Amino acid sequence: MKIISYRIEDHDALTDIWLRAVRQTHHFLSEEDIAFYHRLVRDEALQAVELWTALGEDGKPAGFIGLDGAKVEMLFVDPERHGRGIGRRLLDHAAELKGRGLSVDVNEQNEAALAFYKRYGFVQTGRSELDGSGRPFPLLHLALAPCEKLPGGGSPH
């Protein structure tokens, strides 16, 4: 798998990955909520962050991570490729770039994402009642715990 910086020609594919992943993992969102966030992702969010794309063996986008400094603003993997280590590889790449000071906000209702980040070594540092758009979807604030070796064998040092 190769990780590359954002390419405009991948924009529609990344937006599609986001949409399909959200529909599979964010069951607490209504279709109206998904449409609201979809517009944000499509029209603004992807180009507002430092974006890295994981390419599959076929050379097509398999997932992506968006960073604002050391904060993970978005991490989405093609739902057909969940469980294959793509998310971990993207986090490893971010840790190599930014060091161990990574942080991320996770929707409280997204239990699978919370479990993924905890397995990687993130710990909860706080909670907000509203998401970044002021909507009533509580966020858990997580930071990468300092340790010599990450659970599962990863080591971003």
C-alpha atoms as a PDB file:
ATOM      1  CA  MET A   1       0.000   0.000   0.000  1.00  0.00           C
ATOM      2  CA  LYS A   2       1.220   3.443  -0.889  1.00  0.00           C
ATOM      3  CA  ILE A   3       0.307   6.659   0.968  1.00  0.00           C
ATOM      4  CA  ILE A   4       0.346   9.846  -1.086  1.00  0.00           C
ATOM      5  CA  SER A   5      -0.640  13.463  -0.545  1.00  0.00           C
ATOM      6  CA  TYR A   6      -4.019  14.722  -1.761  1.00  0.00           C
ATOM      7  CA  ARG A   7      -4.620  14.788  -5.508  1.00  0.00           C
ATOM      8  CA  ILE A   8      -7.579  16.730  -6.893  1.00  0.00           C
ATOM      9  CA  GLU A   9      -8.331  13.876  -9.291  1.00  0.00           C
ATOM     10  CA  ASP A  10      -9.097  11.646  -6.253  1.00  0.00           C
ATOM     11  CA  HIS A  11     -11.569  14.145  -4.739  1.00  0.00           C
ATOM     12  CA  ASP A  12     -14.760  12.398  -5.889  1.00  0.00           C
ATOM     13  CA  ALA A  13     -13.436   8.961  -4.882  1.00  0.00           C
ATOM     14  CA  LEU A  14     -12.507  10.253  -1.407  1.00  0.00           C
ATOM     15  CA  THR A  15     -15.909  11.893  -1.000  1.00  0.00           C
ATOM     16  CA  ASP A  16     -17.513   8.585  -1.977  1.00  0.00           C
ATOM     17  CA  ILE A  17     -15.385   6.687   0.568  1.00  0.00           C
ATOM     18  CA  TRP A  18     -16.461   9.179   3.224  1.00  0.00           C
ATOM     19  CA  LEU A  19     -20.150   8.790   2.336  1.00  0.00           C
ATOM     20  CA  ARG A  20     -20.129   4.992   2.251  1.00  0.00           C
ATOM     21  CA  ALA A  21     -18.080   4.745   5.458  1.00  0.00           C
ATOM     22  CA  VAL A  22     -20.359   7.152   7.315  1.00  0.00           C
ATOM     23  CA  ARG A  23     -23.453   5.267   6.205  1.00  0.00           C
ATOM     24  CA  GLN A  24     -21.924   2.035   7.522  1.00  0.00           C
ATOM     25  CA  THR A  25     -20.534   3.363  10.815  1.00  0.00           C
ATOM     26  CA  HIS A  26     -22.498   6.463  11.881  1.00  0.00           C
ATOM     27  CA  HIS A  27     -25.906   4.881  12.516  1.00  0.00           C
ATOM     28  CA  PHE A  28     -26.842   7.718  14.868  1.00  0.00           C
ATOM     29  CA  LEU A  29     -26.974  10.213  11.971  1.00  0.00           C
ATOM     30  CA  SER A  30     -30.160  10.817  10.005  1.00  0.00           C
ATOM     31  CA  GLU A  31     -30.095  11.108   6.215  1.00  0.00           C
ATOM     32  CA  GLU A  32     -30.506  14.884   6.696  1.00  0.00           C
ATOM     33  CA  ASP A  33     -27.440  14.929   8.958  1.00  0.00           C
ATOM     34  CA  ILE A  34     -25.440  12.887   6.453  1.00  0.00           C
ATOM     35  CA  ALA A  35     -26.439  15.256   3.633  1.00  0.00           C
ATOM     36  CA  PHE A  36     -25.341  18.259   5.758  1.00  0.00           C
ATOM     37  CA  TYR A  37     -21.913  16.772   6.519  1.00  0.00           C
ATOM     38  CA  HIS A  38     -21.528  15.406   2.978  1.00  0.00           C
ATOM     39  CA  ARG A  39     -21.766  18.937   1.574  1.00  0.00           C
ATOM     40  CA  LEU A  40     -19.130  20.107   4.067  1.00  0.00           C
ATOM     41  CA  VAL A  41     -16.765  17.275   3.188  1.00  0.00           C
ATOM     42  CA  ARG A  42     -17.286  17.599  -0.565  1.00  0.00           C
ATOM     43  CA  ASP A  43     -17.115  21.398  -0.767  1.00  0.00           C
ATOM     44  CA  GLU A  44     -14.717  22.381   2.025  1.00  0.00           C
ATOM     45  CA  ALA A  45     -13.311  19.864   4.473  1.00  0.00           C
ATOM     46  CA  LEU A  46     -11.148  17.708   2.210  1.00  0.00           C
ATOM     47  CA  GLN A  47      -9.205  20.721   0.983  1.00  0.00           C
ATOM     48  CA  ALA A  48      -9.051  22.445   4.392  1.00  0.00           C
ATOM     49  CA  VAL A  49      -6.711  19.859   5.930  1.00  0.00           C
ATOM     50  CA  GLU A  50      -3.397  18.181   5.175  1.00  0.00           C
ATOM     51  CA  LEU A  51      -4.805  15.135   3.430  1.00  0.00           C
ATOM     52  CA  TRP A  52      -3.062  11.802   2.840  1.00  0.00           C
ATOM     53  CA  THR A  53      -4.550   9.034   0.715  1.00  0.00           C
ATOM     54  CA  ALA A  54      -3.891   5.312   1.023  1.00  0.00           C
ATOM     55  CA  LEU A  55      -3.853   3.683  -2.389  1.00  0.00           C
ATOM     56  CA  GLY A  56      -4.837   0.050  -2.730  1.00  0.00           C
ATOM     57  CA  GLU A  57      -3.016  -2.496  -4.860  1.00  0.00           C
ATOM     58  CA  ASP A  58      -5.216  -1.349  -7.754  1.00  0.00           C
ATOM     59  CA  GLY A  59      -3.861   2.204  -7.407  1.00  0.00           C
ATOM     60  CA  LYS A  60      -7.258   3.544  -6.332  1.00  0.00           C
ATOM     61  CA  PRO A  61      -7.961   5.340  -3.040  1.00  0.00           C
ATOM     62  CA  ALA A  62      -8.671   2.896  -0.212  1.00  0.00           C
ATOM     63  CA  GLY A  63      -8.850   5.434   2.620  1.00  0.00           C
ATOM     64  CA  PHE A  64      -7.627   8.804   3.791  1.00  0.00           C
ATOM     65  CA  ILE A  65      -6.560  10.816   6.802  1.00  0.00           C
ATOM     66  CA  GLY A  66      -6.904  14.569   7.213  1.00  0.00           C
ATOM     67  CA  LEU A  67      -4.651  16.433   9.643  1.00  0.00           C
ATOM     68  CA  ASP A  68      -4.684  19.915  11.117  1.00  0.00           C
ATOM     69  CA  GLY A  69      -1.277  20.072  12.718  1.00  0.00           C
ATOM     70  CA  ALA A  70      -1.147  17.026  14.997  1.00  0.00           C
ATOM     71  CA  LYS A  71      -4.938  16.705  15.190  1.00  0.00           C
ATOM     72  CA  VAL A  72      -6.609  13.979  13.172  1.00  0.00           C
ATOM     73  CA  GLU A  73      -9.639  15.746  11.719  1.00  0.00           C
ATOM     74  CA  MET A  74     -10.836  12.794   9.659  1.00  0.00           C
ATOM     75  CA  LEU A  75      -9.911   9.176   9.060  1.00  0.00           C
ATOM     76  CA  PHE A  76     -12.053   7.098   6.733  1.00  0.00           C
ATOM     77  CA  VAL A  77     -11.469   3.760   5.037  1.00  0.00           C
ATOM     78  CA  ASP A  78     -13.458   2.239   2.202  1.00  0.00           C
ATOM     79  CA  PRO A  79     -16.006   0.039   4.018  1.00  0.00           C
ATOM     80  CA  GLU A  80     -15.206  -2.844   1.655  1.00  0.00           C
ATOM     81  CA  ARG A  81     -11.631  -2.723   3.001  1.00  0.00           C
ATOM     82  CA  HIS A  82     -12.295  -2.366   6.734  1.00  0.00           C
ATOM     83  CA  GLY A  83     -10.196  -4.609   8.949  1.00  0.00           C
ATOM     84  CA  ARG A  84      -7.196  -4.772   6.612  1.00  0.00           C
ATOM     85  CA  GLY A  85      -4.872  -2.406   8.467  1.00  0.00           C
ATOM     86  CA  ILE A  86      -5.443   0.635   6.272  1.00  0.00           C
ATOM     87  CA  GLY A  87      -6.556   2.864   9.156  1.00  0.00           C
ATOM     88  CA  ARG A  88      -3.577   1.775  11.248  1.00  0.00           C
ATOM     89  CA  ARG A  89      -1.188   2.479   8.364  1.00  0.00           C
ATOM     90  CA  LEU A  90      -2.676   5.954   7.925  1.00  0.00           C
ATOM     91  CA  LEU A  91      -2.287   6.647  11.659  1.00  0.00           C
ATOM     92  CA  ASP A  92       1.278   5.332  11.550  1.00  0.00           C
ATOM     93  CA  HIS A  93       1.958   7.744   8.687  1.00  0.00           C
ATOM     94  CA  ALA A  94       0.476  10.648  10.656  1.00  0.00           C
ATOM     95  CA  ALA A  95       2.543   9.730  13.732  1.00  0.00           C
ATOM     96  CA  GLU A  96       5.692   9.607  11.609  1.00  0.00           C
ATOM     97  CA  LEU A  97       4.915  13.087  10.300  1.00  0.00           C
ATOM     98  CA  LYS A  98       3.685  14.702  13.516  1.00  0.00           C
ATOM     99  CA  GLY A  99       5.205  12.669  16.339  1.00  0.00           C
ATOM    100  CA  ARG A 100       3.382  11.155  19.280  1.00  0.00           C
ATOM    101  CA  GLY A 101       1.353  14.304  19.993  1.00  0.00           C
ATOM    102  CA  LEU A 102      -1.577  13.145  17.873  1.00  0.00           C
ATOM    103  CA  SER A 103      -5.100  13.879  19.035  1.00  0.00           C
ATOM    104  CA  VAL A 104      -8.538  13.116  17.620  1.00  0.00           C
ATOM    105  CA  ASP A 105     -12.202  13.764  18.404  1.00  0.00           C
ATOM    106  CA  VAL A 106     -14.543  10.790  18.012  1.00  0.00           C
ATOM    107  CA  ASN A 107     -18.320  10.748  18.045  1.00  0.00           C
ATOM    108  CA  GLU A 108     -19.342   9.161  21.325  1.00  0.00           C
ATOM    109  CA  GLN A 109     -21.917   7.010  19.508  1.00  0.00           C
ATOM    110  CA  ASN A 110     -19.300   5.614  17.096  1.00  0.00           C
ATOM    111  CA  GLU A 111     -18.215   2.725  19.293  1.00  0.00           C
ATOM    112  CA  ALA A 112     -16.210   0.968  16.566  1.00  0.00           C
ATOM    113  CA  ALA A 113     -14.070   4.071  15.925  1.00  0.00           C
ATOM    114  CA  LEU A 114     -13.553   4.593  19.656  1.00  0.00           C
ATOM    115  CA  ALA A 115     -12.408   0.976  20.038  1.00  0.00           C
ATOM    116  CA  PHE A 116     -10.065   1.374  17.028  1.00  0.00           C
ATOM    117  CA  TYR A 117      -8.381   4.452  18.483  1.00  0.00           C
ATOM    118  CA  LYS A 118      -8.080   2.890  21.952  1.00  0.00           C
ATOM    119  CA  ARG A 119      -6.440  -0.215  20.449  1.00  0.00           C
ATOM    120  CA  TYR A 120      -3.957   2.097  18.746  1.00  0.00           C
ATOM    121  CA  GLY A 121      -3.061   3.701  22.079  1.00  0.00           C
ATOM    122  CA  PHE A 122      -5.289   6.771  22.362  1.00  0.00           C
ATOM    123  CA  VAL A 123      -6.784   7.699  25.741  1.00  0.00           C
ATOM    124  CA  GLN A 124      -9.749   9.930  26.494  1.00  0.00           C
ATOM    125  CA  THR A 125      -8.826  13.428  27.672  1.00  0.00           C
ATOM    126  CA  GLY A 126     -12.237  15.118  27.614  1.00  0.00           C
ATOM    127  CA  ARG A 127     -15.768  15.285  26.235  1.00  0.00           C
ATOM    128  CA  SER A 128     -17.952  17.873  24.505  1.00  0.00           C
ATOM    129  CA  GLU A 129     -21.751  17.791  24.276  1.00  0.00           C
ATOM    130  CA  LEU A 130     -21.756  19.227  20.737  1.00  0.00           C
ATOM    131  CA  ASP A 131     -19.750  18.404  17.631  1.00  0.00           C
ATOM    132  CA  GLY A 132     -17.628  20.935  15.746  1.00  0.00           C
ATOM    133  CA  SER A 133     -20.692  22.159  13.830  1.00  0.00           C
ATOM    134  CA  GLY A 134     -22.643  22.801  17.025  1.00  0.00           C
ATOM    135  CA  ARG A 135     -24.876  19.777  16.515  1.00  0.00           C
ATOM    136  CA  PRO A 136     -25.921  17.500  19.403  1.00  0.00           C
ATOM    137  CA  PHE A 137     -23.503  14.657  18.681  1.00  0.00           C
ATOM    138  CA  PRO A 138     -21.167  14.411  21.694  1.00  0.00           C
ATOM    139  CA  LEU A 139     -17.458  14.154  21.011  1.00  0.00           C
ATOM    140  CA  LEU A 140     -14.838  12.302  22.999  1.00  0.00           C
ATOM    141  CA  HIS A 141     -11.453  14.014  22.899  1.00  0.00           C
ATOM    142  CA  LEU A 142      -8.584  11.529  22.646  1.00  0.00           C
ATOM    143  CA  ALA A 143      -4.800  11.870  22.680  1.00  0.00           C
ATOM    144  CA  LEU A 144      -2.124   9.352  21.875  1.00  0.00           C
ATOM    145  CA  ALA A 145      -0.779   8.055  25.166  1.00  0.00           C
ATOM    146  CA  PRO A 146       2.987   8.248  25.634  1.00  0.00           C
ATOM    147  CA  CYS A 147       4.451   4.746  25.561  1.00  0.00           C
ATOM    148  CA  GLU A 148       7.386   2.900  24.110  1.00  0.00           C
ATOM    149  CA  LYS A 149       5.378   0.584  21.893  1.00  0.00           C
ATOM    150  CA  LEU A 150       1.800   0.838  20.720  1.00  0.00           C
ATOM    151  CA  PRO A 151      -0.694  -1.993  21.258  1.00  0.00           C
ATOM    152  CA  GLY A 152      -0.765  -4.334  18.303  1.00  0.00           C
ATOM    153  CA  GLY A 153       2.902  -3.877  17.522  1.00  0.00           C
ATOM    154  CA  GLY A 154       2.841  -0.426  15.973  1.00  0.00           C
ATOM    155  CA  SER A 155       5.576   2.027  16.889  1.00  0.00           C
ATOM    156  CA  PRO A 156       5.413   5.490  15.366  1.00  0.00           C
ATOM    157  CA  HIS A 157       8.721   6.644  16.941  1.00  0.00           C
END
